[in-house]
Amino acid sequence: MINSIYKYALIALVIITIACQTDNSLKPNPFFDRTKMANILTDIQIAEAGVNQQGFLIDSLNKSMLWHYEYVYKKNNITEKQFNDNYTYYLEEPQLLDSVYNDVIKNITQLRLEKK
C-alpha cells in the first residue's frame, strides 16, 4: 500500500516537474545571432539618442521613434515581429543579452572613435 502511494506520488511529481518546465532553448525563426542582434540594437540606440536630443513633444517624439524603428528594420532587412521575437528570446537569456549589450557598447565606442 505505502509503495503504491510513493509510486503515484513520484509519478505526480515527475508530471508536475515536466509540465512546469519552460523551454528557453526555442529560438525564433529567423534567429539573429549575437553579432546581428548587437548591430540592430546599436542602430536602435543611435536612433533613440538622436531623437531624444531633438527635444520633441511626446506626440512628435512617438512618431519620430516609429519612423526611426522602421528605418532600422529596413536597414537590417528584418520585420518588427522578427525583432520582437528575437529580443524576447534574448530577454529570457540574461547572460546572453548582457553579452549582446556589451557588444553594443563596443560598437558605439568604436563609432565615436571613428568620428574623432
N, C-alpha and C. Protein backbone atom coordinates (compact mmCIF):
# COMPACT_ATOMS: atom_id res chain seq x y z
N MET A 1 0.82 -1.18 0.00
CA MET A 1 0.00 0.00 0.00
C MET A 1 0.87 1.26 0.00
N ILE A 2 1.85 1.32 0.92
CA ILE A 2 2.72 2.50 1.01
C ILE A 2 3.57 2.62 -0.25
N ASN A 3 4.03 1.49 -0.78
CA ASN A 3 4.82 1.53 -2.00
C ASN A 3 4.02 2.11 -3.16
N SER A 4 2.74 1.77 -3.26
CA SER A 4 1.93 2.32 -4.35
C SER A 4 1.68 3.81 -4.15
N ILE A 5 1.57 4.27 -2.90
CA ILE A 5 1.41 5.71 -2.64
C ILE A 5 2.67 6.44 -3.09
N TYR A 6 3.83 5.92 -2.75
CA TYR A 6 5.09 6.54 -3.18
C TYR A 6 5.22 6.52 -4.70
N LYS A 7 4.79 5.42 -5.28
CA LYS A 7 4.85 5.30 -6.74
C LYS A 7 3.99 6.37 -7.40
N TYR A 8 2.76 6.55 -6.93
CA TYR A 8 1.87 7.58 -7.50
C TYR A 8 2.35 8.99 -7.20
N ALA A 9 2.91 9.18 -6.02
CA ALA A 9 3.45 10.49 -5.67
C ALA A 9 4.64 10.84 -6.57
N LEU A 10 5.48 9.85 -6.83
CA LEU A 10 6.62 10.06 -7.70
C LEU A 10 6.18 10.37 -9.13
N ILE A 11 5.20 9.63 -9.61
CA ILE A 11 4.67 9.88 -10.96
C ILE A 11 4.08 11.29 -11.03
N ALA A 12 3.31 11.69 -10.01
CA ALA A 12 2.72 13.02 -9.98
C ALA A 12 3.80 14.09 -9.96
N LEU A 13 4.84 13.87 -9.18
CA LEU A 13 5.94 14.83 -9.10
C LEU A 13 6.65 14.98 -10.44
N VAL A 14 6.88 13.87 -11.12
CA VAL A 14 7.52 13.91 -12.43
C VAL A 14 6.64 14.67 -13.43
N ILE A 15 5.35 14.39 -13.42
CA ILE A 15 4.43 15.07 -14.35
C ILE A 15 4.40 16.57 -14.07
N ILE A 16 4.32 16.94 -12.80
CA ILE A 16 4.29 18.37 -12.45
C ILE A 16 5.59 19.04 -12.84
N THR A 17 6.71 18.39 -12.61
CA THR A 17 8.01 18.96 -12.97
C THR A 17 8.11 19.19 -14.47
N ILE A 18 7.71 18.22 -15.25
CA ILE A 18 7.76 18.34 -16.71
C ILE A 18 6.81 19.43 -17.19
N ALA A 19 5.62 19.48 -16.61
CA ALA A 19 4.62 20.47 -17.04
C ALA A 19 5.05 21.89 -16.71
N CYS A 20 5.80 22.08 -15.64
CA CYS A 20 6.20 23.42 -15.22
C CYS A 20 7.45 23.92 -15.91
N GLN A 21 8.14 23.07 -16.61
CA GLN A 21 9.36 23.50 -17.28
C GLN A 21 9.02 24.32 -18.50
N THR A 22 9.81 25.40 -18.69
CA THR A 22 9.69 26.17 -19.93
C THR A 22 10.93 25.89 -20.76
N ASP A 23 10.76 25.89 -22.04
CA ASP A 23 11.88 25.60 -22.94
C ASP A 23 12.40 26.91 -23.50
N ASN A 24 13.41 27.47 -22.83
CA ASN A 24 14.01 28.72 -23.30
C ASN A 24 14.90 28.51 -24.50
N SER A 25 15.11 27.25 -24.88
CA SER A 25 16.02 26.98 -25.98
C SER A 25 15.34 27.14 -27.34
N LEU A 26 14.04 27.41 -27.35
CA LEU A 26 13.34 27.58 -28.62
C LEU A 26 13.72 28.92 -29.23
N LYS A 27 14.53 28.86 -30.24
CA LYS A 27 14.98 30.09 -30.90
C LYS A 27 13.96 30.51 -31.94
N PRO A 28 13.79 31.82 -32.07
CA PRO A 28 12.86 32.30 -33.11
C PRO A 28 13.41 32.01 -34.50
N ASN A 29 12.52 32.03 -35.46
CA ASN A 29 12.92 31.80 -36.84
C ASN A 29 12.50 33.01 -37.67
N PRO A 30 13.43 33.74 -38.26
CA PRO A 30 14.88 33.54 -38.23
C PRO A 30 15.47 34.00 -36.91
N PHE A 31 16.56 33.34 -36.54
CA PHE A 31 17.27 33.69 -35.31
C PHE A 31 18.40 34.66 -35.62
N PHE A 32 18.49 35.74 -34.86
CA PHE A 32 19.58 36.72 -35.02
C PHE A 32 20.71 36.33 -34.08
N ASP A 33 21.86 36.03 -34.63
CA ASP A 33 22.98 35.68 -33.77
C ASP A 33 23.41 36.93 -32.99
N ARG A 34 24.34 36.73 -32.09
CA ARG A 34 24.78 37.79 -31.18
C ARG A 34 25.24 39.03 -31.93
N THR A 35 26.01 38.83 -33.00
CA THR A 35 26.54 39.96 -33.77
C THR A 35 25.43 40.75 -34.45
N LYS A 36 24.52 40.04 -35.08
CA LYS A 36 23.42 40.73 -35.77
C LYS A 36 22.53 41.47 -34.77
N MET A 37 22.23 40.82 -33.65
CA MET A 37 21.39 41.47 -32.64
C MET A 37 22.09 42.70 -32.08
N ALA A 38 23.38 42.61 -31.85
CA ALA A 38 24.13 43.76 -31.35
C ALA A 38 24.13 44.90 -32.36
N ASN A 39 24.26 44.58 -33.64
CA ASN A 39 24.24 45.61 -34.67
C ASN A 39 22.87 46.30 -34.75
N ILE A 40 21.81 45.52 -34.64
CA ILE A 40 20.46 46.09 -34.67
C ILE A 40 20.25 46.98 -33.45
N LEU A 41 20.63 46.49 -32.28
CA LEU A 41 20.46 47.29 -31.06
C LEU A 41 21.34 48.53 -31.07
N THR A 42 22.49 48.45 -31.71
CA THR A 42 23.34 49.64 -31.86
C THR A 42 22.61 50.68 -32.69
N ASP A 43 22.02 50.27 -33.80
CA ASP A 43 21.26 51.20 -34.64
C ASP A 43 20.10 51.81 -33.87
N ILE A 44 19.42 50.99 -33.06
CA ILE A 44 18.29 51.50 -32.28
C ILE A 44 18.76 52.49 -31.23
N GLN A 45 19.86 52.20 -30.56
CA GLN A 45 20.38 53.12 -29.54
C GLN A 45 20.77 54.46 -30.16
N ILE A 46 21.39 54.42 -31.31
CA ILE A 46 21.79 55.65 -32.01
C ILE A 46 20.54 56.44 -32.41
N ALA A 47 19.54 55.75 -32.95
CA ALA A 47 18.30 56.41 -33.35
C ALA A 47 17.62 57.05 -32.14
N GLU A 48 17.52 56.32 -31.04
CA GLU A 48 16.87 56.86 -29.84
C GLU A 48 17.63 58.06 -29.29
N ALA A 49 18.95 58.00 -29.30
CA ALA A 49 19.74 59.12 -28.80
C ALA A 49 19.52 60.36 -29.66
N GLY A 50 19.49 60.16 -30.97
CA GLY A 50 19.27 61.28 -31.87
C GLY A 50 17.91 61.92 -31.68
N VAL A 51 16.89 61.11 -31.53
CA VAL A 51 15.53 61.63 -31.34
C VAL A 51 15.43 62.34 -29.99
N ASN A 52 16.01 61.76 -28.95
CA ASN A 52 15.93 62.36 -27.62
C ASN A 52 16.62 63.72 -27.57
N GLN A 53 17.65 63.92 -28.37
CA GLN A 53 18.35 65.19 -28.39
C GLN A 53 17.57 66.29 -29.10
N GLN A 54 16.57 65.90 -29.88
CA GLN A 54 15.80 66.88 -30.64
C GLN A 54 14.81 67.65 -29.77
N GLY A 55 14.46 67.15 -28.62
CA GLY A 55 13.54 67.84 -27.73
C GLY A 55 12.11 67.88 -28.25
N PHE A 56 11.66 66.78 -28.86
CA PHE A 56 10.30 66.71 -29.39
C PHE A 56 9.28 66.69 -28.26
N LEU A 57 8.06 67.13 -28.58
CA LEU A 57 6.94 66.90 -27.69
C LEU A 57 6.59 65.43 -27.76
N ILE A 58 5.86 64.93 -26.78
CA ILE A 58 5.59 63.49 -26.68
C ILE A 58 5.01 62.92 -27.96
N ASP A 59 4.00 63.56 -28.54
CA ASP A 59 3.36 63.03 -29.74
C ASP A 59 4.34 62.97 -30.91
N SER A 60 5.09 64.04 -31.08
CA SER A 60 6.09 64.08 -32.15
C SER A 60 7.22 63.09 -31.89
N LEU A 61 7.56 62.95 -30.62
CA LEU A 61 8.61 62.00 -30.24
C LEU A 61 8.21 60.58 -30.63
N ASN A 62 6.98 60.21 -30.32
CA ASN A 62 6.50 58.86 -30.65
C ASN A 62 6.49 58.63 -32.16
N LYS A 63 6.03 59.60 -32.93
CA LYS A 63 6.01 59.46 -34.39
C LYS A 63 7.42 59.35 -34.95
N SER A 64 8.31 60.17 -34.41
CA SER A 64 9.69 60.13 -34.88
C SER A 64 10.35 58.80 -34.56
N MET A 65 10.10 58.27 -33.35
CA MET A 65 10.71 57.00 -32.98
C MET A 65 10.17 55.88 -33.86
N LEU A 66 8.87 55.90 -34.15
CA LEU A 66 8.31 54.86 -35.02
C LEU A 66 8.98 54.90 -36.39
N TRP A 67 9.20 56.09 -36.91
CA TRP A 67 9.87 56.22 -38.20
C TRP A 67 11.29 55.67 -38.12
N HIS A 68 12.00 55.99 -37.05
CA HIS A 68 13.38 55.52 -36.90
C HIS A 68 13.44 54.00 -36.73
N TYR A 69 12.51 53.45 -35.96
CA TYR A 69 12.47 51.99 -35.83
C TYR A 69 12.24 51.33 -37.18
N GLU A 70 11.32 51.86 -37.96
CA GLU A 70 11.06 51.31 -39.30
C GLU A 70 12.32 51.39 -40.16
N TYR A 71 13.05 52.50 -40.04
CA TYR A 71 14.30 52.65 -40.79
C TYR A 71 15.30 51.56 -40.38
N VAL A 72 15.43 51.32 -39.08
CA VAL A 72 16.36 50.30 -38.58
C VAL A 72 15.95 48.92 -39.10
N TYR A 73 14.65 48.62 -39.08
CA TYR A 73 14.19 47.33 -39.58
C TYR A 73 14.52 47.17 -41.06
N LYS A 74 14.27 48.22 -41.84
CA LYS A 74 14.56 48.14 -43.27
C LYS A 74 16.07 48.02 -43.52
N LYS A 75 16.84 48.81 -42.79
CA LYS A 75 18.29 48.78 -42.96
C LYS A 75 18.86 47.38 -42.71
N ASN A 76 18.30 46.70 -41.72
CA ASN A 76 18.78 45.37 -41.35
C ASN A 76 17.99 44.24 -42.00
N ASN A 77 17.08 44.61 -42.90
CA ASN A 77 16.29 43.64 -43.66
C ASN A 77 15.53 42.67 -42.74
N ILE A 78 14.84 43.25 -41.75
CA ILE A 78 14.06 42.46 -40.80
C ILE A 78 12.68 43.09 -40.65
N THR A 79 11.80 42.36 -40.00
CA THR A 79 10.48 42.92 -39.68
C THR A 79 10.43 43.24 -38.19
N GLU A 80 9.44 44.02 -37.82
CA GLU A 80 9.25 44.34 -36.40
C GLU A 80 8.99 43.07 -35.59
N LYS A 81 8.20 42.16 -36.15
CA LYS A 81 7.90 40.90 -35.46
C LYS A 81 9.17 40.07 -35.26
N GLN A 82 10.00 39.99 -36.27
CA GLN A 82 11.25 39.23 -36.14
C GLN A 82 12.13 39.84 -35.04
N PHE A 83 12.21 41.17 -35.02
CA PHE A 83 12.99 41.83 -33.97
C PHE A 83 12.41 41.52 -32.60
N ASN A 84 11.09 41.70 -32.46
CA ASN A 84 10.45 41.47 -31.16
C ASN A 84 10.60 40.02 -30.70
N ASP A 85 10.47 39.07 -31.62
CA ASP A 85 10.64 37.66 -31.26
C ASP A 85 12.06 37.38 -30.78
N ASN A 86 13.04 37.95 -31.47
CA ASN A 86 14.43 37.74 -31.08
C ASN A 86 14.75 38.45 -29.78
N TYR A 87 14.24 39.67 -29.63
CA TYR A 87 14.50 40.41 -28.39
C TYR A 87 13.90 39.68 -27.20
N THR A 88 12.71 39.12 -27.38
CA THR A 88 12.07 38.34 -26.32
C THR A 88 12.93 37.12 -25.97
N TYR A 89 13.47 36.46 -26.99
CA TYR A 89 14.35 35.31 -26.74
C TYR A 89 15.56 35.75 -25.91
N TYR A 90 16.19 36.85 -26.30
CA TYR A 90 17.36 37.31 -25.57
C TYR A 90 17.01 37.76 -24.14
N LEU A 91 15.81 38.31 -23.95
CA LEU A 91 15.39 38.68 -22.60
C LEU A 91 15.30 37.47 -21.69
N GLU A 92 14.97 36.32 -22.26
CA GLU A 92 14.88 35.09 -21.48
C GLU A 92 16.24 34.44 -21.25
N GLU A 93 17.27 35.01 -21.85
CA GLU A 93 18.65 34.52 -21.68
C GLU A 93 19.51 35.70 -21.21
N PRO A 94 19.39 36.09 -19.92
CA PRO A 94 20.03 37.32 -19.44
C PRO A 94 21.54 37.39 -19.67
N GLN A 95 22.24 36.28 -19.52
CA GLN A 95 23.70 36.32 -19.72
C GLN A 95 24.03 36.60 -21.18
N LEU A 96 23.27 36.01 -22.07
CA LEU A 96 23.47 36.25 -23.49
C LEU A 96 23.12 37.69 -23.85
N LEU A 97 22.02 38.19 -23.30
CA LEU A 97 21.63 39.58 -23.56
C LEU A 97 22.69 40.54 -23.03
N ASP A 98 23.26 40.23 -21.88
CA ASP A 98 24.32 41.06 -21.33
C ASP A 98 25.52 41.12 -22.27
N SER A 99 25.88 40.00 -22.85
CA SER A 99 27.00 39.99 -23.79
C SER A 99 26.65 40.76 -25.07
N VAL A 100 25.39 40.70 -25.49
CA VAL A 100 24.96 41.47 -26.66
C VAL A 100 25.10 42.97 -26.36
N TYR A 101 24.63 43.40 -25.20
CA TYR A 101 24.74 44.82 -24.85
C TYR A 101 26.19 45.26 -24.65
N ASN A 102 27.05 44.36 -24.20
CA ASN A 102 28.48 44.70 -24.15
C ASN A 102 29.01 44.95 -25.56
N ASP A 103 28.53 44.17 -26.53
CA ASP A 103 28.91 44.40 -27.93
C ASP A 103 28.35 45.73 -28.44
N VAL A 104 27.15 46.08 -28.02
CA VAL A 104 26.55 47.37 -28.41
C VAL A 104 27.43 48.51 -27.90
N ILE A 105 27.87 48.42 -26.66
CA ILE A 105 28.74 49.45 -26.10
C ILE A 105 30.04 49.54 -26.89
N LYS A 106 30.61 48.40 -27.23
CA LYS A 106 31.84 48.39 -28.05
C LYS A 106 31.59 49.03 -29.41
N ASN A 107 30.44 48.70 -30.03
CA ASN A 107 30.11 49.28 -31.34
C ASN A 107 29.99 50.80 -31.26
N ILE A 108 29.29 51.28 -30.26
CA ILE A 108 29.09 52.73 -30.13
C ILE A 108 30.42 53.41 -29.81
N THR A 109 31.23 52.81 -28.97
CA THR A 109 32.55 53.36 -28.66
C THR A 109 33.40 53.45 -29.92
N GLN A 110 33.37 52.40 -30.72
CA GLN A 110 34.14 52.38 -31.97
C GLN A 110 33.65 53.47 -32.92
N LEU A 111 32.34 53.64 -33.02
CA LEU A 111 31.79 54.69 -33.88
C LEU A 111 32.21 56.07 -33.41
N ARG A 112 32.24 56.29 -32.12
CA ARG A 112 32.65 57.58 -31.57
C ARG A 112 34.13 57.84 -31.87
N LEU A 113 34.96 56.80 -31.77
CA LEU A 113 36.38 56.96 -32.06
C LEU A 113 36.60 57.27 -33.53
N GLU A 114 35.80 56.67 -34.39
CA GLU A 114 35.94 56.91 -35.84
C GLU A 114 35.53 58.32 -36.22
N LYS A 115 34.65 58.94 -35.45
CA LYS A 115 34.19 60.29 -35.74
C LYS A 115 35.20 61.35 -35.33
N LYS A 116 36.12 60.99 -34.43
CA LYS A 116 37.11 61.97 -33.95
C LYS A 116 38.18 62.23 -34.94
